[in-house]
Amino acid sequence: MGTGGPVFALDMQAKRRGRALCERVKDLIPRQLSAVATQAPIGGRIMARETVKASRKDVLAKCYGGDVTRKRKLLEKQKEGKKRMRQFGQVDIPQSAFIAALRMGDT
């Protein structure tokens, strides 16, 4: 806040730095079983957000050709398992990823 109003130049700089930090952390965190969101909050506002996609097992690898209902059944079963796992699962984010991201920010 400058003279009663927001300073947009500082706001844009904060967004740029937040996005760069989120992208670095996204690249450093290994894929997990469920999606992991990284956010850069500044002053109570989320300036940037990146998502590390979940790793997937190819359940359709053993299905050849035509049986669409079998493929759909396998994908639905996988979706239910992911949903159950999301309720109880924990995300393991290595501390070295954050330390490396902060070190890159210093240079």
PDB file of N, CA and C in Angstrom:
ATOM      1  N   MET A   1       0.841  -1.176   0.000  1.00  0.00           N
ATOM      2  CA  MET A   1       0.000   0.000   0.000  1.00  0.00           C
ATOM      3  C   MET A   1       0.885   1.237   0.000  1.00  0.00           C
ATOM      4  N   GLY A   2       0.637   2.052  -0.922  1.00  0.00           N
ATOM      5  CA  GLY A   2       1.394   3.296  -1.012  1.00  0.00           C
ATOM      6  C   GLY A   2       0.619   4.392  -0.295  1.00  0.00           C
ATOM      7  N   THR A   3       0.225   5.420  -1.008  1.00  0.00           N
ATOM      8  CA  THR A   3      -0.515   6.533  -0.412  1.00  0.00           C
ATOM      9  C   THR A   3      -2.012   6.220  -0.470  1.00  0.00           C
ATOM     10  N   GLY A   4      -2.423   5.265   0.319  1.00  0.00           N
ATOM     11  CA  GLY A   4      -3.846   4.941   0.394  1.00  0.00           C
ATOM     12  C   GLY A   4      -4.307   3.893  -0.612  1.00  0.00           C
ATOM     13  N   GLY A   5      -3.488   3.537  -1.579  1.00  0.00           N
ATOM     14  CA  GLY A   5      -3.889   2.547  -2.592  1.00  0.00           C
ATOM     15  C   GLY A   5      -2.803   1.510  -2.799  1.00  0.00           C
ATOM     16  N   PRO A   6      -3.131   0.444  -3.492  1.00  0.00           N
ATOM     17  CA  PRO A   6      -2.121  -0.597  -3.723  1.00  0.00           C
ATOM     18  C   PRO A   6      -1.055  -0.151  -4.724  1.00  0.00           C
ATOM     19  N   VAL A   7       0.143  -0.643  -4.531  1.00  0.00           N
ATOM     20  CA  VAL A   7       1.248  -0.347  -5.438  1.00  0.00           C
ATOM     21  C   VAL A   7       1.342  -1.532  -6.407  1.00  0.00           C
ATOM     22  N   PHE A   8       0.920  -1.335  -7.647  1.00  0.00           N
ATOM     23  CA  PHE A   8       0.800  -2.436  -8.592  1.00  0.00           C
ATOM     24  C   PHE A   8       2.145  -2.973  -9.056  1.00  0.00           C
ATOM     25  N   ALA A   9       3.184  -2.148  -9.060  1.00  0.00           N
ATOM     26  CA  ALA A   9       4.504  -2.620  -9.480  1.00  0.00           C
ATOM     27  C   ALA A   9       5.021  -3.660  -8.487  1.00  0.00           C
ATOM     28  N   LEU A  10       4.829  -3.409  -7.202  1.00  0.00           N
ATOM     29  CA  LEU A  10       5.259  -4.377  -6.193  1.00  0.00           C
ATOM     30  C   LEU A  10       4.398  -5.630  -6.239  1.00  0.00           C
ATOM     31  N   ASP A  11       3.120  -5.452  -6.548  1.00  0.00           N
ATOM     32  CA  ASP A  11       2.208  -6.582  -6.651  1.00  0.00           C
ATOM     33  C   ASP A  11       2.639  -7.518  -7.783  1.00  0.00           C
ATOM     34  N   MET A  12       2.998  -6.953  -8.909  1.00  0.00           N
ATOM     35  CA  MET A  12       3.435  -7.776 -10.057  1.00  0.00           C
ATOM     36  C   MET A  12       4.757  -8.469  -9.757  1.00  0.00           C
ATOM     37  N   GLN A  13       5.655  -7.772  -9.060  1.00  0.00           N
ATOM     38  CA  GLN A  13       6.937  -8.386  -8.702  1.00  0.00           C
ATOM     39  C   GLN A  13       6.720  -9.548  -7.736  1.00  0.00           C
ATOM     40  N   ALA A  14       5.809  -9.385  -6.789  1.00  0.00           N
ATOM     41  CA  ALA A  14       5.511 -10.459  -5.836  1.00  0.00           C
ATOM     42  C   ALA A  14       4.907 -11.659  -6.564  1.00  0.00           C
ATOM     43  N   LYS A  15       4.030 -11.410  -7.517  1.00  0.00           N
ATOM     44  CA  LYS A  15       3.441 -12.506  -8.292  1.00  0.00           C
ATOM     45  C   LYS A  15       4.511 -13.256  -9.071  1.00  0.00           C
ATOM     46  N   ARG A  16       5.424 -12.524  -9.689  1.00  0.00           N
ATOM     47  CA  ARG A  16       6.488 -13.148 -10.482  1.00  0.00           C
ATOM     48  C   ARG A  16       7.379 -14.023  -9.602  1.00  0.00           C
ATOM     49  N   ARG A  17       7.760 -13.485  -8.444  1.00  0.00           N
ATOM     50  CA  ARG A  17       8.635 -14.254  -7.546  1.00  0.00           C
ATOM     51  C   ARG A  17       7.909 -15.470  -6.980  1.00  0.00           C
ATOM     52  N   GLY A  18       6.635 -15.301  -6.643  1.00  0.00           N
ATOM     53  CA  GLY A  18       5.851 -16.414  -6.128  1.00  0.00           C
ATOM     54  C   GLY A  18       5.687 -17.520  -7.157  1.00  0.00           C
ATOM     55  N   ARG A  19       5.415 -17.143  -8.411  1.00  0.00           N
ATOM     56  CA  ARG A  19       5.257 -18.134  -9.478  1.00  0.00           C
ATOM     57  C   ARG A  19       6.579 -18.857  -9.736  1.00  0.00           C
ATOM     58  N   ALA A  20       7.680 -18.117  -9.727  1.00  0.00           N
ATOM     59  CA  ALA A  20       8.986 -18.744  -9.959  1.00  0.00           C
ATOM     60  C   ALA A  20       9.307 -19.743  -8.848  1.00  0.00           C
ATOM     61  N   LEU A  21       9.013 -19.379  -7.598  1.00  0.00           N
ATOM     62  CA  LEU A  21       9.279 -20.276  -6.481  1.00  0.00           C
ATOM     63  C   LEU A  21       8.397 -21.527  -6.563  1.00  0.00           C
ATOM     64  N   CYS A  22       7.116 -21.358  -6.905  1.00  0.00           N
ATOM     65  CA  CYS A  22       6.216 -22.512  -7.040  1.00  0.00           C
ATOM     66  C   CYS A  22       6.680 -23.441  -8.159  1.00  0.00           C
ATOM     67  N   GLU A  23       7.132 -22.876  -9.267  1.00  0.00           N
ATOM     68  CA  GLU A  23       7.608 -23.714 -10.373  1.00  0.00           C
ATOM     69  C   GLU A  23       8.856 -24.488  -9.972  1.00  0.00           C
ATOM     70  N   ARG A  24       9.765 -23.853  -9.219  1.00  0.00           N
ATOM     71  CA  ARG A  24      10.970 -24.548  -8.765  1.00  0.00           C
ATOM     72  C   ARG A  24      10.629 -25.706  -7.834  1.00  0.00           C
ATOM     73  N   VAL A  25       9.714 -25.456  -6.890  1.00  0.00           N
ATOM     74  CA  VAL A  25       9.315 -26.512  -5.955  1.00  0.00           C
ATOM     75  C   VAL A  25       8.615 -27.638  -6.704  1.00  0.00           C
ATOM     76  N   LYS A  26       7.807 -27.286  -7.703  1.00  0.00           N
ATOM     77  CA  LYS A  26       7.104 -28.304  -8.500  1.00  0.00           C
ATOM     78  C   LYS A  26       8.106 -29.214  -9.208  1.00  0.00           C
ATOM     79  N   ASP A  27       9.166 -28.637  -9.730  1.00  0.00           N
ATOM     80  CA  ASP A  27      10.170 -29.438 -10.433  1.00  0.00           C
ATOM     81  C   ASP A  27      10.976 -30.320  -9.477  1.00  0.00           C
ATOM     82  N   LEU A  28      11.121 -29.885  -8.224  1.00  0.00           N
ATOM     83  CA  LEU A  28      11.952 -30.619  -7.267  1.00  0.00           C
ATOM     84  C   LEU A  28      11.206 -31.732  -6.531  1.00  0.00           C
ATOM     85  N   ILE A  29       9.878 -31.581  -6.377  1.00  0.00           N
ATOM     86  CA  ILE A  29       9.105 -32.586  -5.646  1.00  0.00           C
ATOM     87  C   ILE A  29       8.838 -33.776  -6.557  1.00  0.00           C
ATOM     88  N   PRO A  30       9.138 -34.989  -6.101  1.00  0.00           N
ATOM     89  CA  PRO A  30       8.835 -36.162  -6.928  1.00  0.00           C
ATOM     90  C   PRO A  30       7.332 -36.409  -6.979  1.00  0.00           C
ATOM     91  N   ARG A  31       6.883 -37.112  -8.031  1.00  0.00           N
ATOM     92  CA  ARG A  31       5.460 -37.425  -8.154  1.00  0.00           C
ATOM     93  C   ARG A  31       5.015 -38.314  -7.009  1.00  0.00           C
ATOM     94  N   GLN A  32       3.831 -38.033  -6.499  1.00  0.00           N
ATOM     95  CA  GLN A  32       3.257 -38.794  -5.390  1.00  0.00           C
ATOM     96  C   GLN A  32       2.091 -39.621  -5.916  1.00  0.00           C
ATOM     97  N   LEU A  33       1.449 -40.369  -5.024  1.00  0.00           N
ATOM     98  CA  LEU A  33       0.298 -41.164  -5.421  1.00  0.00           C
ATOM     99  C   LEU A  33      -0.934 -40.304  -5.646  1.00  0.00           C
ATOM    100  N   SER A  34      -0.996 -39.137  -5.033  1.00  0.00           N
ATOM    101  CA  SER A  34      -2.083 -38.202  -5.288  1.00  0.00           C
ATOM    102  C   SER A  34      -1.474 -36.846  -5.653  1.00  0.00           C
ATOM    103  N   ALA A  35      -2.278 -35.986  -6.240  1.00  0.00           N
ATOM    104  CA  ALA A  35      -1.791 -34.679  -6.687  1.00  0.00           C
ATOM    105  C   ALA A  35      -1.397 -33.816  -5.489  1.00  0.00           C
ATOM    106  N   VAL A  36      -0.322 -33.040  -5.650  1.00  0.00           N
ATOM    107  CA  VAL A  36       0.178 -32.160  -4.597  1.00  0.00           C
ATOM    108  C   VAL A  36       0.166 -30.731  -5.127  1.00  0.00           C
ATOM    109  N   ALA A  37      -0.511 -29.845  -4.388  1.00  0.00           N
ATOM    110  CA  ALA A  37      -0.578 -28.439  -4.793  1.00  0.00           C
ATOM    111  C   ALA A  37       0.414 -27.629  -3.971  1.00  0.00           C
ATOM    112  N   THR A  38       1.199 -26.795  -4.650  1.00  0.00           N
ATOM    113  CA  THR A  38       2.088 -25.863  -3.957  1.00  0.00           C
ATOM    114  C   THR A  38       1.556 -24.459  -4.211  1.00  0.00           C
ATOM    115  N   GLN A  39       1.524 -23.653  -3.150  1.00  0.00           N
ATOM    116  CA  GLN A  39       0.979 -22.307  -3.253  1.00  0.00           C
ATOM    117  C   GLN A  39       1.959 -21.304  -2.680  1.00  0.00           C
ATOM    118  N   ALA A  40       1.887 -20.083  -3.204  1.00  0.00           N
ATOM    119  CA  ALA A  40       2.725 -18.993  -2.695  1.00  0.00           C
ATOM    120  C   ALA A  40       1.806 -17.901  -2.149  1.00  0.00           C
ATOM    121  N   PRO A  41       1.501 -17.963  -0.836  1.00  0.00           N
ATOM    122  CA  PRO A  41       0.653 -16.916  -0.257  1.00  0.00           C
ATOM    123  C   PRO A  41       1.491 -15.717   0.183  1.00  0.00           C
ATOM    124  N   ILE A  42       0.994 -14.534  -0.113  1.00  0.00           N
ATOM    125  CA  ILE A  42       1.655 -13.302   0.322  1.00  0.00           C
ATOM    126  C   ILE A  42       0.579 -12.393   0.887  1.00  0.00           C
ATOM    127  N   GLY A  43       0.679 -12.106   2.159  1.00  0.00           N
ATOM    128  CA  GLY A  43      -0.291 -11.220   2.799  1.00  0.00           C
ATOM    129  C   GLY A  43      -1.705 -11.769   2.785  1.00  0.00           C
ATOM    130  N   GLY A  44      -1.853 -13.082   2.925  1.00  0.00           N
ATOM    131  CA  GLY A  44      -3.186 -13.672   2.958  1.00  0.00           C
ATOM    132  C   GLY A  44      -3.789 -13.950   1.597  1.00  0.00           C
ATOM    133  N   ARG A  45      -3.122 -13.545   0.543  1.00  0.00           N
ATOM    134  CA  ARG A  45      -3.610 -13.805  -0.815  1.00  0.00           C
ATOM    135  C   ARG A  45      -2.714 -14.839  -1.476  1.00  0.00           C
ATOM    136  N   ILE A  46      -3.315 -15.733  -2.254  1.00  0.00           N
ATOM    137  CA  ILE A  46      -2.546 -16.727  -2.997  1.00  0.00           C
ATOM    138  C   ILE A  46      -2.083 -16.065  -4.292  1.00  0.00           C
ATOM    139  N   MET A  47      -0.774 -15.879  -4.413  1.00  0.00           N
ATOM    140  CA  MET A  47      -0.225 -15.216  -5.592  1.00  0.00           C
ATOM    141  C   MET A  47       0.056 -16.201  -6.724  1.00  0.00           C
ATOM    142  N   ALA A  48       0.419 -17.430  -6.383  1.00  0.00           N
ATOM    143  CA  ALA A  48       0.752 -18.416  -7.415  1.00  0.00           C
ATOM    144  C   ALA A  48       0.410 -19.801  -6.896  1.00  0.00           C
ATOM    145  N   ARG A  49       0.114 -20.711  -7.835  1.00  0.00           N
ATOM    146  CA  ARG A  49      -0.221 -22.087  -7.477  1.00  0.00           C
ATOM    147  C   ARG A  49       0.235 -23.010  -8.587  1.00  0.00           C
ATOM    148  N   GLU A  50       0.893 -24.080  -8.210  1.00  0.00           N
ATOM    149  CA  GLU A  50       1.321 -25.111  -9.159  1.00  0.00           C
ATOM    150  C   GLU A  50       0.916 -26.462  -8.591  1.00  0.00           C
ATOM    151  N   THR A  51       0.636 -27.417  -9.472  1.00  0.00           N
ATOM    152  CA  THR A  51       0.220 -28.740  -9.035  1.00  0.00           C
ATOM    153  C   THR A  51       1.167 -29.791  -9.586  1.00  0.00           C
ATOM    154  N   VAL A  52       1.667 -30.645  -8.698  1.00  0.00           N
ATOM    155  CA  VAL A  52       2.469 -31.796  -9.105  1.00  0.00           C
ATOM    156  C   VAL A  52       1.473 -32.914  -9.380  1.00  0.00           C
ATOM    157  N   LYS A  53       1.446 -33.405 -10.603  1.00  0.00           N
ATOM    158  CA  LYS A  53       0.459 -34.408 -10.977  1.00  0.00           C
ATOM    159  C   LYS A  53       0.726 -35.730 -10.265  1.00  0.00           C
ATOM    160  N   ALA A  54      -0.335 -36.489 -10.114  1.00  0.00           N
ATOM    161  CA  ALA A  54      -0.230 -37.788  -9.457  1.00  0.00           C
ATOM    162  C   ALA A  54       0.352 -38.815 -10.423  1.00  0.00           C
ATOM    163  N   SER A  55       1.096 -39.763  -9.857  1.00  0.00           N
ATOM    164  CA  SER A  55       1.605 -40.846 -10.694  1.00  0.00           C
ATOM    165  C   SER A  55       0.473 -41.826 -10.952  1.00  0.00           C
ATOM    166  N   ARG A  56       0.441 -42.384 -12.136  1.00  0.00           N
ATOM    167  CA  ARG A  56      -0.634 -43.298 -12.516  1.00  0.00           C
ATOM    168  C   ARG A  56      -0.070 -44.623 -12.968  1.00  0.00           C
ATOM    169  N   LYS A  57      -0.760 -45.677 -12.598  1.00  0.00           N
ATOM    170  CA  LYS A  57      -0.416 -46.993 -13.093  1.00  0.00           C
ATOM    171  C   LYS A  57      -1.267 -47.240 -14.335  1.00  0.00           C
ATOM    172  N   ASP A  58      -0.676 -47.814 -15.347  1.00  0.00           N
ATOM    173  CA  ASP A  58      -1.397 -48.069 -16.582  1.00  0.00           C
ATOM    174  C   ASP A  58      -2.206 -49.351 -16.426  1.00  0.00           C
ATOM    175  N   VAL A  59      -3.467 -49.211 -15.995  1.00  0.00           N
ATOM    176  CA  VAL A  59      -4.308 -50.386 -15.777  1.00  0.00           C
ATOM    177  C   VAL A  59      -4.857 -50.952 -17.079  1.00  0.00           C
ATOM    178  N   LEU A  60      -4.742 -50.196 -18.151  1.00  0.00           N
ATOM    179  CA  LEU A  60      -5.266 -50.660 -19.446  1.00  0.00           C
ATOM    180  C   LEU A  60      -4.208 -51.368 -20.282  1.00  0.00           C
ATOM    181  N   ALA A  61      -3.014 -51.550 -19.728  1.00  0.00           N
ATOM    182  CA  ALA A  61      -1.927 -52.156 -20.502  1.00  0.00           C
ATOM    183  C   ALA A  61      -2.243 -53.585 -20.906  1.00  0.00           C
ATOM    184  N   LYS A  62      -2.959 -54.306 -20.049  1.00  0.00           N
ATOM    185  CA  LYS A  62      -3.241 -55.708 -20.361  1.00  0.00           C
ATOM    186  C   LYS A  62      -4.492 -55.884 -21.216  1.00  0.00           C
ATOM    187  N   CYS A  63      -5.211 -54.783 -21.500  1.00  0.00           N
ATOM    188  CA  CYS A  63      -6.416 -54.864 -22.332  1.00  0.00           C
ATOM    189  C   CYS A  63      -6.059 -54.553 -23.774  1.00  0.00           C
ATOM    190  N   TYR A  64      -6.269 -55.502 -24.646  1.00  0.00           N
ATOM    191  CA  TYR A  64      -6.068 -55.262 -26.064  1.00  0.00           C
ATOM    192  C   TYR A  64      -7.402 -54.867 -26.669  1.00  0.00           C
ATOM    193  N   GLY A  65      -7.364 -54.173 -27.758  1.00  0.00           N
ATOM    194  CA  GLY A  65      -8.515 -53.957 -28.626  1.00  0.00           C
ATOM    195  C   GLY A  65      -9.825 -53.565 -27.995  1.00  0.00           C
ATOM    196  N   GLY A  66     -10.868 -54.399 -28.203  1.00  0.00           N
ATOM    197  CA  GLY A  66     -12.214 -53.901 -28.248  1.00  0.00           C
ATOM    198  C   GLY A  66     -13.069 -53.757 -27.018  1.00  0.00           C
ATOM    199  N   ASP A  67     -12.858 -54.445 -25.923  1.00  0.00           N
ATOM    200  CA  ASP A  67     -13.860 -54.478 -24.868  1.00  0.00           C
ATOM    201  C   ASP A  67     -13.864 -53.176 -24.075  1.00  0.00           C
ATOM    202  N   VAL A  68     -14.738 -52.264 -24.470  1.00  0.00           N
ATOM    203  CA  VAL A  68     -14.796 -50.938 -23.867  1.00  0.00           C
ATOM    204  C   VAL A  68     -15.334 -51.007 -22.441  1.00  0.00           C
ATOM    205  N   THR A  69     -16.286 -51.910 -22.197  1.00  0.00           N
ATOM    206  CA  THR A  69     -16.872 -51.998 -20.856  1.00  0.00           C
ATOM    207  C   THR A  69     -15.830 -52.469 -19.843  1.00  0.00           C
ATOM    208  N   ARG A  70     -14.957 -53.358 -20.246  1.00  0.00           N
ATOM    209  CA  ARG A  70     -13.894 -53.838 -19.349  1.00  0.00           C
ATOM    210  C   ARG A  70     -12.924 -52.702 -19.030  1.00  0.00           C
ATOM    211  N   LYS A  71     -12.572 -51.926 -20.036  1.00  0.00           N
ATOM    212  CA  LYS A  71     -11.672 -50.785 -19.814  1.00  0.00           C
ATOM    213  C   LYS A  71     -12.308 -49.777 -18.862  1.00  0.00           C
ATOM    214  N   ARG A  72     -13.587 -49.488 -19.079  1.00  0.00           N
ATOM    215  CA  ARG A  72     -14.290 -48.531 -18.230  1.00  0.00           C
ATOM    216  C   ARG A  72     -14.345 -49.042 -16.791  1.00  0.00           C
ATOM    217  N   LYS A  73     -14.595 -50.350 -16.628  1.00  0.00           N
ATOM    218  CA  LYS A  73     -14.649 -50.942 -15.295  1.00  0.00           C
ATOM    219  C   LYS A  73     -13.307 -50.796 -14.578  1.00  0.00           C
ATOM    220  N   LEU A  74     -12.211 -51.054 -15.298  1.00  0.00           N
ATOM    221  CA  LEU A  74     -10.883 -50.941 -14.694  1.00  0.00           C
ATOM    222  C   LEU A  74     -10.576 -49.496 -14.289  1.00  0.00           C
ATOM    223  N   LEU A  75     -10.935 -48.532 -15.152  1.00  0.00           N
ATOM    224  CA  LEU A  75     -10.682 -47.123 -14.836  1.00  0.00           C
ATOM    225  C   LEU A  75     -11.533 -46.661 -13.653  1.00  0.00           C
ATOM    226  N   GLU A  76     -12.785 -47.108 -13.581  1.00  0.00           N
ATOM    227  CA  GLU A  76     -13.646 -46.753 -12.443  1.00  0.00           C
ATOM    228  C   GLU A  76     -13.100 -47.338 -11.142  1.00  0.00           C
ATOM    229  N   LYS A  77     -12.615 -48.565 -11.206  1.00  0.00           N
ATOM    230  CA  LYS A  77     -12.051 -49.210 -10.024  1.00  0.00           C
ATOM    231  C   LYS A  77     -10.798 -48.455  -9.560  1.00  0.00           C
ATOM    232  N   GLN A  78      -9.981 -48.013 -10.514  1.00  0.00           N
ATOM    233  CA  GLN A  78      -8.797 -47.236 -10.176  1.00  0.00           C
ATOM    234  C   GLN A  78      -9.191 -45.905  -9.532  1.00  0.00           C
ATOM    235  N   LYS A  79     -10.241 -45.274 -10.064  1.00  0.00           N
ATOM    236  CA  LYS A  79     -10.700 -43.995  -9.530  1.00  0.00           C
ATOM    237  C   LYS A  79     -11.188 -44.137  -8.087  1.00  0.00           C
ATOM    238  N   GLU A  80     -11.909 -45.236  -7.809  1.00  0.00           N
ATOM    239  CA  GLU A  80     -12.384 -45.473  -6.445  1.00  0.00           C
ATOM    240  C   GLU A  80     -11.215 -45.683  -5.488  1.00  0.00           C
ATOM    241  N   GLY A  81     -10.212 -46.422  -5.930  1.00  0.00           N
ATOM    242  CA  GLY A  81      -9.033 -46.644  -5.095  1.00  0.00           C
ATOM    243  C   GLY A  81      -8.288 -45.355  -4.812  1.00  0.00           C
ATOM    244  N   LYS A  82      -8.168 -44.494  -5.812  1.00  0.00           N
ATOM    245  CA  LYS A  82      -7.500 -43.202  -5.621  1.00  0.00           C
ATOM    246  C   LYS A  82      -8.273 -42.341  -4.620  1.00  0.00           C
ATOM    247  N   LYS A  83      -9.611 -42.386  -4.726  1.00  0.00           N
ATOM    248  CA  LYS A  83     -10.441 -41.599  -3.824  1.00  0.00           C
ATOM    249  C   LYS A  83     -10.259 -42.073  -2.380  1.00  0.00           C
ATOM    250  N   ARG A  84     -10.246 -43.390  -2.182  1.00  0.00           N
ATOM    251  CA  ARG A  84     -10.049 -43.964  -0.853  1.00  0.00           C
ATOM    252  C   ARG A  84      -8.660 -43.607  -0.319  1.00  0.00           C
ATOM    253  N   MET A  85      -7.678 -43.671  -1.189  1.00  0.00           N
ATOM    254  CA  MET A  85      -6.307 -43.392  -0.787  1.00  0.00           C
ATOM    255  C   MET A  85      -6.129 -41.910  -0.408  1.00  0.00           C
ATOM    256  N   ARG A  86      -6.831 -41.032  -1.107  1.00  0.00           N
ATOM    257  CA  ARG A  86      -6.747 -39.604  -0.815  1.00  0.00           C
ATOM    258  C   ARG A  86      -7.250 -39.285   0.587  1.00  0.00           C
ATOM    259  N   GLN A  87      -8.223 -40.064   1.065  1.00  0.00           N
ATOM    260  CA  GLN A  87      -8.766 -39.822   2.398  1.00  0.00           C
ATOM    261  C   GLN A  87      -7.752 -40.161   3.489  1.00  0.00           C
ATOM    262  N   PHE A  88      -6.982 -41.233   3.285  1.00  0.00           N
ATOM    263  CA  PHE A  88      -6.098 -41.713   4.340  1.00  0.00           C
ATOM    264  C   PHE A  88      -4.619 -41.495   4.054  1.00  0.00           C
ATOM    265  N   GLY A  89      -4.284 -41.237   2.820  1.00  0.00           N
ATOM    266  CA  GLY A  89      -2.876 -41.156   2.433  1.00  0.00           C
ATOM    267  C   GLY A  89      -2.201 -39.889   2.901  1.00  0.00           C
ATOM    268  N   GLN A  90      -0.903 -39.968   3.021  1.00  0.00           N
ATOM    269  CA  GLN A  90      -0.102 -38.813   3.376  1.00  0.00           C
ATOM    270  C   GLN A  90       0.875 -38.524   2.241  1.00  0.00           C
ATOM    271  N   VAL A  91       1.187 -37.269   2.087  1.00  0.00           N
ATOM    272  CA  VAL A  91       2.109 -36.845   1.050  1.00  0.00           C
ATOM    273  C   VAL A  91       3.481 -36.663   1.678  1.00  0.00           C
ATOM    274  N   ASP A  92       4.491 -37.256   1.069  1.00  0.00           N
ATOM    275  CA  ASP A  92       5.853 -37.160   1.573  1.00  0.00           C
ATOM    276  C   ASP A  92       6.627 -36.185   0.698  1.00  0.00           C
ATOM    277  N   ILE A  93       6.873 -34.996   1.236  1.00  0.00           N
ATOM    278  CA  ILE A  93       7.619 -33.974   0.498  1.00  0.00           C
ATOM    279  C   ILE A  93       8.996 -33.861   1.137  1.00  0.00           C
ATOM    280  N   PRO A  94      10.049 -34.149   0.394  1.00  0.00           N
ATOM    281  CA  PRO A  94      11.378 -34.104   0.989  1.00  0.00           C
ATOM    282  C   PRO A  94      11.783 -32.673   1.355  1.00  0.00           C
ATOM    283  N   GLN A  95      12.429 -32.557   2.494  1.00  0.00           N
ATOM    284  CA  GLN A  95      12.872 -31.241   2.966  1.00  0.00           C
ATOM    285  C   GLN A  95      13.946 -30.682   2.043  1.00  0.00           C
ATOM    286  N   SER A  96      14.707 -31.564   1.414  1.00  0.00           N
ATOM    287  CA  SER A  96      15.763 -31.103   0.511  1.00  0.00           C
ATOM    288  C   SER A  96      15.193 -30.322  -0.672  1.00  0.00           C
ATOM    289  N   ALA A  97      13.951 -30.624  -1.076  1.00  0.00           N
ATOM    290  CA  ALA A  97      13.328 -29.894  -2.181  1.00  0.00           C
ATOM    291  C   ALA A  97      13.126 -28.426  -1.802  1.00  0.00           C
ATOM    292  N   PHE A  98      12.635 -28.170  -0.595  1.00  0.00           N
ATOM    293  CA  PHE A  98      12.425 -26.789  -0.163  1.00  0.00           C
ATOM    294  C   PHE A  98      13.740 -26.050   0.015  1.00  0.00           C
ATOM    295  N   ILE A  99      14.713 -26.730   0.587  1.00  0.00           N
ATOM    296  CA  ILE A  99      16.021 -26.091   0.788  1.00  0.00           C
ATOM    297  C   ILE A  99      16.642 -25.726  -0.556  1.00  0.00           C
ATOM    298  N   ALA A 100      16.551 -26.638  -1.534  1.00  0.00           N
ATOM    299  CA  ALA A 100      17.098 -26.360  -2.862  1.00  0.00           C
ATOM    300  C   ALA A 100      16.362 -25.221  -3.542  1.00  0.00           C
ATOM    301  N   ALA A 101      15.040 -25.166  -3.379  1.00  0.00           N
ATOM    302  CA  ALA A 101      14.257 -24.083  -3.990  1.00  0.00           C
ATOM    303  C   ALA A 101      14.629 -22.738  -3.390  1.00  0.00           C
ATOM    304  N   LEU A 102      14.804 -22.698  -2.066  1.00  0.00           N
ATOM    305  CA  LEU A 102      15.182 -21.440  -1.424  1.00  0.00           C
ATOM    306  C   LEU A 102      16.609 -21.025  -1.784  1.00  0.00           C
ATOM    307  N   ARG A 103      17.503 -21.993  -1.952  1.00  0.00           N
ATOM    308  CA  ARG A 103      18.874 -21.667  -2.373  1.00  0.00           C
ATOM    309  C   ARG A 103      18.892 -21.092  -3.771  1.00  0.00           C
ATOM    310  N   MET A 104      18.076 -21.626  -4.667  1.00  0.00           N
ATOM    311  CA  MET A 104      18.031 -21.097  -6.030  1.00  0.00           C
ATOM    312  C   MET A 104      17.479 -19.680  -6.032  1.00  0.00           C
ATOM    313  N   GLY A 105      16.604 -19.366  -5.065  1.00  0.00           N
ATOM    314  CA  GLY A 105      16.052 -18.026  -4.980  1.00  0.00           C
ATOM    315  C   GLY A 105      17.073 -16.989  -4.574  1.00  0.00           C
ATOM    316  N   ASP A 106      18.113 -17.416  -3.845  1.00  0.00           N
ATOM    317  CA  ASP A 106      19.148 -16.474  -3.395  1.00  0.00           C
ATOM    318  C   ASP A 106      20.026 -15.989  -4.535  1.00  0.00           C
ATOM    319  N   THR A 107      20.236 -16.828  -5.541  1.00  0.00           N
ATOM    320  CA  THR A 107      21.161 -16.459  -6.624  1.00  0.00           C
ATOM    321  C   THR A 107      20.523 -15.555  -7.617  1.00  0.00           C
TER     322      THR A 107
END
